[in-house]
Protein backbone atom coordinates (compact mmCIF):
# COMPACT_ATOMS: atom_id res chain seq x y z
CA UNK A 1 0.00 0.00 0.00
CA UNK A 2 2.74 2.37 0.98
CA UNK A 3 4.71 1.57 -2.16
CA UNK A 4 1.65 2.06 -4.31
CA UNK A 5 0.96 5.43 -2.73
CA UNK A 6 4.57 6.45 -3.15
CA UNK A 7 4.52 5.48 -6.80
CA UNK A 8 1.31 7.44 -7.34
CA UNK A 9 2.83 10.45 -5.61
CA UNK A 10 5.96 10.25 -7.79
CA UNK A 11 3.81 9.99 -10.87
CA UNK A 12 1.85 13.06 -9.91
CA UNK A 13 5.08 14.86 -9.15
CA UNK A 14 6.46 13.98 -12.59
CA UNK A 15 3.23 15.15 -14.20
CA UNK A 16 3.43 18.37 -12.24
CA UNK A 17 7.07 18.88 -13.23
CA UNK A 18 6.24 18.08 -16.86
CA UNK A 19 3.32 20.49 -16.76
CA UNK A 20 5.50 23.19 -15.25
CA UNK A 21 8.21 22.51 -17.87
CA UNK A 22 5.67 22.89 -20.62
CA UNK A 23 4.40 26.07 -18.99
CA UNK A 24 7.98 27.43 -18.83
CA UNK A 25 8.49 26.53 -22.48
CA UNK A 26 5.25 28.28 -23.37
CA UNK A 27 6.33 31.32 -21.37
CA UNK A 28 9.71 31.33 -23.11
CA UNK A 29 8.02 31.00 -26.50
CA UNK A 30 5.67 33.84 -25.54
CA UNK A 31 8.58 35.95 -24.33
CA UNK A 32 10.42 35.23 -27.56
CA UNK A 33 7.39 36.27 -29.55
CA UNK A 34 7.19 39.43 -27.43
CA UNK A 35 10.86 40.15 -28.15
CA UNK A 36 10.20 39.64 -31.85
CA UNK A 37 7.15 41.89 -31.73
CA UNK A 38 9.12 44.45 -29.77
CA UNK A 39 11.83 44.30 -32.44
CA UNK A 40 9.20 44.79 -35.10
CA UNK A 41 7.75 47.76 -33.21
CA UNK A 42 11.23 49.23 -32.71
CA UNK A 43 12.01 48.75 -36.38
CA UNK A 44 8.68 50.30 -37.31
CA UNK A 45 9.42 53.24 -35.01
CA UNK A 46 12.84 53.63 -36.59
CA UNK A 47 11.25 53.65 -40.02
CA UNK A 48 8.66 56.17 -38.87
CA UNK A 49 11.38 58.36 -37.38
CA UNK A 50 13.37 58.08 -40.61
CA UNK A 51 10.30 58.93 -42.67
CA UNK A 52 9.56 61.83 -40.31
CA UNK A 53 13.09 63.17 -40.75
CA UNK A 54 12.81 62.75 -44.51
CA UNK A 55 9.45 64.55 -44.48
CA UNK A 56 10.87 67.33 -42.32
CA UNK A 57 13.86 67.64 -44.66
CA UNK A 58 11.55 67.64 -47.67
CA UNK A 59 9.32 70.23 -45.96
CA UNK A 60 12.35 72.37 -45.16
CA UNK A 61 13.63 72.04 -48.73
CA UNK A 62 10.20 72.87 -50.12
CA UNK A 63 9.95 75.94 -47.88
CA UNK A 64 13.42 77.00 -48.96
CA UNK A 65 12.53 76.51 -52.64
CA UNK A 66 9.28 78.44 -52.15
CA UNK A 67 11.21 81.26 -50.51
CA UNK A 68 13.72 81.28 -53.35
CA UNK A 69 10.90 81.34 -55.91
CA UNK A 70 9.27 84.25 -54.09
CA UNK A 71 12.54 86.17 -54.15
CA UNK A 72 13.05 85.44 -57.84
CA UNK A 73 9.46 86.44 -58.62
CA UNK A 74 9.91 89.73 -56.75
CA UNK A 75 13.09 90.44 -58.68
CA UNK A 76 11.46 89.61 -62.02
CA UNK A 77 8.49 91.82 -61.09
CA UNK A 78 10.82 94.66 -60.13
CA UNK A 79 12.89 94.29 -63.30
CA UNK A 80 9.75 94.59 -65.40
CA UNK A 81 8.55 97.71 -63.60
CA UNK A 82 11.68 99.72 -62.74
CA UNK A 83 15.10 100.58 -64.06
CA UNK A 84 16.53 101.86 -60.76
CA UNK A 85 19.58 99.68 -60.19
CA UNK A 86 20.35 101.05 -56.71
CA UNK A 87 16.89 100.10 -55.45
CA UNK A 88 17.12 96.66 -57.07
CA UNK A 89 20.47 96.07 -55.37
CA UNK A 90 18.92 97.03 -52.04
CA UNK A 91 15.89 94.78 -52.61
CA UNK A 92 18.06 91.75 -53.42
CA UNK A 93 20.29 92.29 -50.38
CA UNK A 94 17.28 92.77 -48.08
CA UNK A 95 15.59 89.64 -49.43
CA UNK A 96 18.65 87.46 -48.91
CA UNK A 97 18.96 88.67 -45.33
CA UNK A 98 15.27 88.51 -44.44
CA UNK A 99 14.05 85.44 -46.31
CA UNK A 100 17.07 83.13 -46.34
CA UNK A 101 18.50 83.96 -42.95
CA UNK A 102 21.83 85.17 -44.34
CA UNK A 103 23.81 87.42 -42.04
CA UNK A 104 25.75 89.13 -44.85
CA UNK A 105 24.53 90.12 -48.32
CA UNK A 106 26.57 92.44 -50.53
CA UNK A 107 26.38 93.49 -54.17
CA UNK A 108 29.23 95.55 -55.56
CA UNK A 109 29.52 97.13 -59.02
CA UNK A 110 32.94 98.14 -60.29
CA UNK A 111 33.59 101.41 -62.18
CA UNK A 112 31.84 101.53 -65.54
CA UNK A 113 29.26 98.85 -64.76
CA UNK A 114 26.57 101.52 -65.17
CA UNK A 115 27.13 105.26 -65.08
CA UNK A 116 29.38 104.93 -62.03
CA UNK A 117 32.93 106.26 -62.14
CA UNK A 118 33.75 104.60 -58.82
CA UNK A 119 32.84 101.27 -57.24
CA UNK A 120 29.46 101.28 -55.54
CA UNK A 121 27.82 98.69 -53.34
CA UNK A 122 24.73 97.81 -51.38
CA UNK A 123 25.43 95.90 -48.19
CA UNK A 124 23.08 94.41 -45.63
CA UNK A 125 24.11 92.55 -42.47
CA UNK A 126 22.63 91.44 -39.16
CA UNK A 127 25.94 92.28 -37.49
CA UNK A 128 26.92 95.57 -35.85
CA UNK A 129 27.12 98.90 -37.63
CA UNK A 130 30.86 98.88 -36.97
CA UNK A 131 31.21 95.56 -38.80
CA UNK A 132 29.07 96.82 -41.70
CA UNK A 133 31.28 99.89 -42.10
CA UNK A 134 34.50 97.84 -42.08
CA UNK A 135 33.05 95.21 -44.41
CA UNK A 136 31.82 97.91 -46.80
CA UNK A 137 35.27 99.50 -46.92
CA UNK A 138 36.87 96.13 -47.69
CA UNK A 139 34.32 95.37 -50.42
CA UNK A 140 34.74 98.77 -52.10
CA UNK A 141 38.52 98.29 -51.94
CA UNK A 142 38.13 95.11 -54.03
CA UNK A 143 38.67 92.42 -51.36
CA UNK A 144 36.39 89.95 -53.18
CA UNK A 145 38.37 89.96 -56.42
CA UNK A 146 41.10 87.58 -55.26
CA UNK A 147 38.53 84.80 -54.78
CA UNK A 148 36.98 85.08 -58.26
CA UNK A 149 40.04 85.73 -60.43
CA UNK A 150 39.01 82.86 -62.71
CA UNK A 151 35.47 84.31 -62.99
CA UNK A 152 34.03 81.26 -61.25
CA UNK A 153 31.84 81.01 -58.19
CA UNK A 154 33.77 80.70 -54.93
CA UNK A 155 32.30 78.67 -52.04
CA UNK A 156 33.57 78.08 -48.51
CA UNK A 157 31.19 75.99 -46.41
CA UNK A 158 33.55 75.84 -43.43
CA UNK A 159 34.50 79.48 -42.95
CA UNK A 160 37.42 80.19 -40.69
CA UNK A 161 37.25 83.92 -39.90
CA UNK A 162 41.01 84.02 -39.41
CA UNK A 163 41.44 83.41 -43.16
CA UNK A 164 39.38 86.48 -44.18
CA UNK A 165 40.25 89.98 -42.99
CA UNK A 166 36.81 91.20 -44.04
CA UNK A 167 34.93 88.55 -41.98
CA UNK A 168 36.37 89.20 -38.55
CA UNK A 169 33.64 88.78 -35.87
CA UNK A 170 31.06 88.18 -38.60
CA UNK A 171 29.67 84.84 -37.32
CA UNK A 172 29.64 83.55 -40.89
CA UNK A 173 29.68 79.76 -41.23
CA UNK A 174 29.36 79.52 -45.03
CA UNK A 175 30.13 82.02 -47.78
CA UNK A 176 29.57 82.24 -51.51
CA UNK A 177 31.03 84.86 -53.89
CA UNK A 178 29.59 84.97 -57.41
CA UNK A 179 31.21 87.16 -60.09
CA UNK A 180 29.05 89.43 -62.22
CA UNK A 181 30.22 88.86 -65.78
CA UNK A 182 29.33 91.00 -68.80
CA UNK A 183 30.86 89.59 -71.95
CA UNK A 184 34.34 88.72 -70.80
CA UNK A 185 34.60 91.49 -68.22
CA UNK A 186 34.00 91.12 -64.48
CA UNK A 187 31.87 94.13 -63.54
CA UNK A 188 31.05 93.25 -59.95
CA UNK A 189 30.26 90.51 -57.46
CA UNK A 190 27.57 89.13 -55.16
CA UNK A 191 28.73 87.95 -51.73
CA UNK A 192 26.44 86.11 -49.30
CA UNK A 193 27.35 84.80 -45.85
CA UNK A 194 25.20 82.42 -43.79
CA UNK A 195 25.65 81.51 -40.11
CA UNK A 196 25.26 77.76 -40.78
CA UNK A 197 28.06 75.55 -42.02
CA UNK A 198 27.57 73.47 -45.20
CA UNK A 199 24.80 75.81 -46.33
CA UNK A 200 25.64 76.31 -50.00
CA UNK A 201 25.15 73.02 -51.86
CA UNK A 202 25.73 72.85 -55.61
CA UNK A 203 22.42 71.24 -56.53
CA UNK A 204 20.08 73.90 -55.14
CA UNK A 205 21.59 76.90 -53.39
CA UNK A 206 24.29 77.75 -55.90
CA UNK A 207 21.88 77.48 -58.80
CA UNK A 208 19.52 79.83 -56.98
CA UNK A 209 22.21 82.48 -56.38
CA UNK A 210 23.52 82.17 -59.92
CA UNK A 211 19.95 82.66 -61.15
CA UNK A 212 19.68 85.82 -59.02
CA UNK A 213 22.90 87.10 -60.57
CA UNK A 214 21.67 86.31 -64.10
CA UNK A 215 18.44 88.25 -63.50
CA UNK A 216 20.33 91.15 -61.97
CA UNK A 217 22.61 91.32 -65.03
CA UNK A 218 19.54 91.47 -67.27
CA UNK A 219 18.20 94.37 -65.19
CA UNK A 220 21.57 96.07 -65.35
CA UNK A 221 21.71 95.76 -69.13
CA UNK A 222 18.14 97.12 -69.40
CA UNK A 223 19.05 100.07 -67.21
CA UNK A 224 22.19 100.79 -69.21
CA UNK A 225 20.24 100.61 -72.46
CA UNK A 226 17.64 102.98 -71.04
CA UNK A 227 20.35 105.41 -69.91
CA UNK A 228 21.94 105.33 -73.35
CA UNK A 229 18.59 106.00 -75.01
CA UNK A 230 17.81 108.76 -72.50
CA UNK A 231 21.21 110.30 -73.11
CA UNK A 232 20.60 110.31 -76.85
CA UNK A 233 17.26 112.00 -76.25
CA UNK A 234 18.47 114.60 -73.76
CA UNK A 235 22.22 115.12 -74.17
CA UNK A 236 24.35 116.69 -76.87
CA UNK A 237 26.46 113.98 -78.47
CA UNK A 238 29.67 116.01 -78.67
CA UNK A 239 29.72 117.67 -75.25
CA UNK A 240 27.44 115.69 -72.93
CA UNK A 241 25.49 118.80 -71.88
CA UNK A 242 21.73 119.04 -72.48
CA UNK A 243 20.70 119.40 -76.10
CA UNK A 244 18.51 122.24 -77.33
CA UNK A 245 15.26 120.29 -77.27
CA UNK A 246 15.65 119.08 -73.70
CA UNK A 247 17.07 122.39 -72.51
CA UNK A 248 13.99 124.16 -73.90
CA UNK A 249 11.80 121.76 -71.91
CA UNK A 250 13.80 122.37 -68.70
CA UNK A 251 13.68 126.15 -69.29
CA UNK A 252 9.90 126.07 -69.71
CA UNK A 253 9.49 124.08 -66.48
CA UNK A 254 11.87 126.38 -64.58
CA UNK A 255 10.06 129.49 -65.82
CA UNK A 256 6.69 128.07 -64.79
CA UNK A 257 8.09 127.37 -61.32
CA UNK A 258 9.52 130.88 -61.09
CA UNK A 259 6.18 132.46 -62.04
CA UNK A 260 4.20 130.17 -59.72
CA UNK A 261 6.51 130.62 -56.73
CA UNK A 262 7.35 134.27 -57.48
CA UNK A 263 11.10 133.60 -57.51
CA UNK A 264 13.91 134.83 -59.72
CA UNK A 265 15.55 132.91 -62.55
CA UNK A 266 18.67 134.06 -64.38
CA UNK A 267 19.87 132.97 -67.80
CA UNK A 268 23.28 133.43 -69.43
CA UNK A 269 23.59 132.98 -73.19
CA UNK A 270 27.12 132.89 -74.60
CA UNK A 271 29.04 131.85 -77.67
CA UNK A 272 32.69 131.47 -78.68
CA UNK A 273 34.31 134.54 -80.15
CA UNK A 274 35.62 134.19 -83.75
CA UNK A 275 34.65 130.50 -83.81
CA UNK A 276 34.35 130.43 -87.59
CA UNK A 277 37.95 131.64 -87.81
CA UNK A 278 39.01 128.79 -85.49
CA UNK A 279 37.35 126.23 -87.77
CA UNK A 280 38.75 127.83 -90.93
CA UNK A 281 42.27 128.14 -89.52
CA UNK A 282 42.69 124.94 -87.51
CA UNK A 283 39.97 122.66 -88.83
CA UNK A 284 36.68 121.37 -87.49
CA UNK A 285 38.31 118.75 -85.24
CA UNK A 286 40.12 121.50 -83.35
CA UNK A 287 36.88 123.47 -83.30
CA UNK A 288 35.16 120.47 -81.71
CA UNK A 289 37.88 120.32 -79.06
CA UNK A 290 37.33 123.99 -78.25
CA UNK A 291 33.60 123.34 -77.85
CA UNK A 292 34.26 120.37 -75.56
CA UNK A 293 36.62 122.38 -73.36
CA UNK A 294 34.01 125.13 -73.06
CA UNK A 295 31.25 122.62 -72.23
CA UNK A 296 33.37 120.91 -69.57
CA UNK A 297 34.12 124.16 -67.73
CA UNK A 298 30.49 125.30 -68.11
CA UNK A 299 29.28 122.04 -66.53
CA UNK A 300 31.60 122.53 -63.55
CA UNK A 301 30.36 126.10 -63.03
CA UNK A 302 26.72 125.02 -63.36
CA UNK A 303 27.13 122.10 -60.96
CA UNK A 304 28.76 124.26 -58.27
CA UNK A 305 25.98 126.85 -58.53
CA UNK A 306 22.94 124.54 -58.88
CA UNK A 307 22.51 125.56 -62.50
CA UNK A 308 21.73 123.77 -65.76
CA UNK A 309 23.83 124.00 -68.92
CA UNK A 310 22.90 123.15 -72.48
CA UNK A 311 24.14 123.57 -76.03
CA UNK A 312 21.72 125.88 -77.80
CA UNK A 313 23.22 125.43 -81.22
CA UNK A 314 26.64 125.44 -82.89
CA UNK A 315 28.96 127.35 -80.56
CA UNK A 316 26.11 128.85 -78.50
CA UNK A 317 25.47 127.67 -74.95
CA UNK A 318 23.04 128.50 -72.15
CA UNK A 319 23.42 128.33 -68.37
CA UNK A 320 20.22 128.55 -66.37
CA UNK A 321 20.34 129.64 -62.71
CA UNK A 322 16.99 128.92 -60.99
CA UNK A 323 16.21 131.09 -57.94
CA UNK A 324 19.15 133.42 -58.60
CA UNK A 325 19.17 137.17 -59.22
CA UNK A 326 21.58 139.07 -61.45
CA UNK A 327 23.87 139.78 -58.50
CA UNK A 328 23.91 136.10 -57.56
CA UNK A 329 24.58 134.98 -61.15
CA UNK A 330 27.21 137.44 -62.30
CA UNK A 331 30.00 135.93 -60.18
CA UNK A 332 29.78 132.35 -61.60
CA UNK A 333 29.36 133.76 -65.13
CA UNK A 334 32.46 135.91 -64.71
CA UNK A 335 34.28 132.84 -63.33
CA UNK A 336 33.29 130.94 -66.48
CA UNK A 337 34.60 133.71 -68.73
CA UNK A 338 37.94 133.99 -66.89
CA UNK A 339 38.52 130.21 -66.73
CA UNK A 340 37.89 129.88 -70.47
CA UNK A 341 40.27 132.73 -71.16
CA UNK A 342 42.96 130.87 -69.18
CA UNK A 343 42.20 127.60 -71.00
CA UNK A 344 43.39 126.70 -74.48
CA UNK A 345 43.49 123.92 -77.06
CA UNK A 346 46.69 122.92 -78.82
CA UNK A 347 46.94 122.42 -82.58
CA UNK A 348 50.31 121.37 -84.00
CA UNK A 349 52.09 122.98 -81.06
CA UNK A 350 50.11 126.22 -81.29
CA UNK A 351 47.68 127.34 -78.60
CA UNK A 352 44.15 128.17 -79.62
CA UNK A 353 42.76 130.62 -77.07
CA UNK A 354 39.11 130.71 -76.05
CA UNK A 355 37.06 133.79 -75.25
CA UNK A 356 33.30 134.19 -75.05
CA UNK A 357 30.71 136.93 -75.34
CA UNK A 358 27.92 136.66 -72.76
CA UNK A 359 24.45 138.09 -72.34
CA UNK A 360 22.93 137.82 -68.85
CA UNK A 361 19.28 138.43 -68.01
CA UNK A 362 16.89 137.68 -65.18
CA UNK A 363 13.16 137.26 -64.64
CA UNK A 364 11.57 139.38 -63.29
CA UNK A 365 14.50 141.69 -62.52
CA UNK A 366 15.42 142.76 -66.08
CA UNK A 367 12.80 140.86 -68.08
CA UNK A 368 9.18 141.06 -66.93
CA UNK A 369 7.90 138.58 -69.52
CA UNK A 370 9.30 135.06 -68.88
CA UNK A 371 8.60 134.11 -72.50
CA UNK A 372 11.08 136.81 -73.61
CA UNK A 373 13.95 135.68 -71.39
CA UNK A 374 15.98 134.08 -74.19
CA UNK A 375 15.43 137.08 -76.46
CA UNK A 376 16.71 139.43 -73.76
CA UNK A 377 19.81 137.27 -73.22
CA UNK A 378 20.37 137.17 -76.98
CA UNK A 379 20.21 140.97 -77.24
CA UNK A 380 22.69 141.32 -74.37
CA UNK A 381 25.05 138.78 -75.92
CA UNK A 382 24.84 140.57 -79.29
CA UNK A 383 25.80 143.81 -77.55
CA UNK A 384 28.88 142.08 -76.05
CA UNK A 385 29.96 140.90 -79.49
CA UNK A 386 29.43 144.29 -81.08
CA UNK A 387 31.38 146.07 -78.36
CA UNK A 388 34.70 144.29 -78.17
CA UNK A 389 33.76 140.64 -77.35
CA UNK A 390 35.24 138.71 -74.39
CA UNK A 391 32.80 140.40 -72.00
CA UNK A 392 29.53 140.08 -70.13
CA UNK A 393 26.59 142.37 -70.83
CA UNK A 394 23.75 142.56 -68.35
CA UNK A 395 20.34 142.98 -69.93
CA UNK A 396 18.83 146.47 -69.55
CA UNK A 397 16.58 148.89 -71.41
CA UNK A 398 19.49 150.82 -72.94
CA UNK A 399 21.07 147.68 -74.38
CA UNK A 400 17.74 146.58 -75.81
CA UNK A 401 17.21 149.93 -77.55
CA UNK A 402 20.75 150.05 -78.99
CA UNK A 403 20.54 146.49 -80.33
CA UNK A 404 17.10 147.02 -81.84
CA UNK A 405 18.34 150.18 -83.53
CA UNK A 406 21.11 148.17 -85.20
């Protein structure tokens, strides 16, 4: 009996152990399946995170492209509506700073790019005013040229400020310098600095900036063409002063202002003494040189005295002095006469001297009818020529009577 009971107990124990072993195996299998599921979930999360990063990168790239398109559209819109290069330069620089997060944006044009005799630039920066002043001085001094000698775009995506004198304390991480090329000549440059490293990639960013430069060059060419056409319409081809047609327009406007505002306006009409003899003796080329010398000095006098100068015809010229009386005008006119007398043109080693006869009048001081201002100046100039030349005659009643009698 005891043995039988013991055997039964052992059997039950074995069954219990077997059952527990199976349970442990099941638990291990379940745990393994959990580990596998956990791995799947982790992998899925990794994929989701990767996709999220890719979506964020795509979103960032799309936003960047949209921003670039907006900038390009604004530039195209501006090009089609305006020919003011200075304002376009400012708009581009402002856009690159504001929309792209650049901390430096500079456009520089070298002498002769438009009507500029000196380099000019438009610079925007998020740095201090002191930095902007120093950077501007470096740019105008030509510091960018050494990086674009081969007329190719220069990129540094790991900027070390110690390598660039003009970037000290600039916080620039990446920089691009793009030359402005017209034909084979380098006429300027675009420089952009960004605080991030590795910012300017070839596939997107560089193409964008090169597109900006291409559009700017189109605008520049349009502006230059417009200036040339305007010059042909308003300026005398030989001397560069206003031609008769445009001078007449300016005179009419100035006279209307004088009448409306009850202010004075003086006018000096002058021509070169014995000019026909100059042409006959020395030739028309020498005569042209004499006219150009006269025009150059007349422009300097006019500019210093807020006047306007134009070629009225042949060797006749006019200087208009808005808001000036006879007393205020006589000094610059006398300066013109004396400077021309000191000047000369050489022909085969001989000096060709220049003197002028001048008639000076003023509304309403000596001429009450603004429409007669040129006639009064002409009478006064005629009196100068008939009475010894190389002198200034101020319009007055006596002069008018004597000239009309002749």
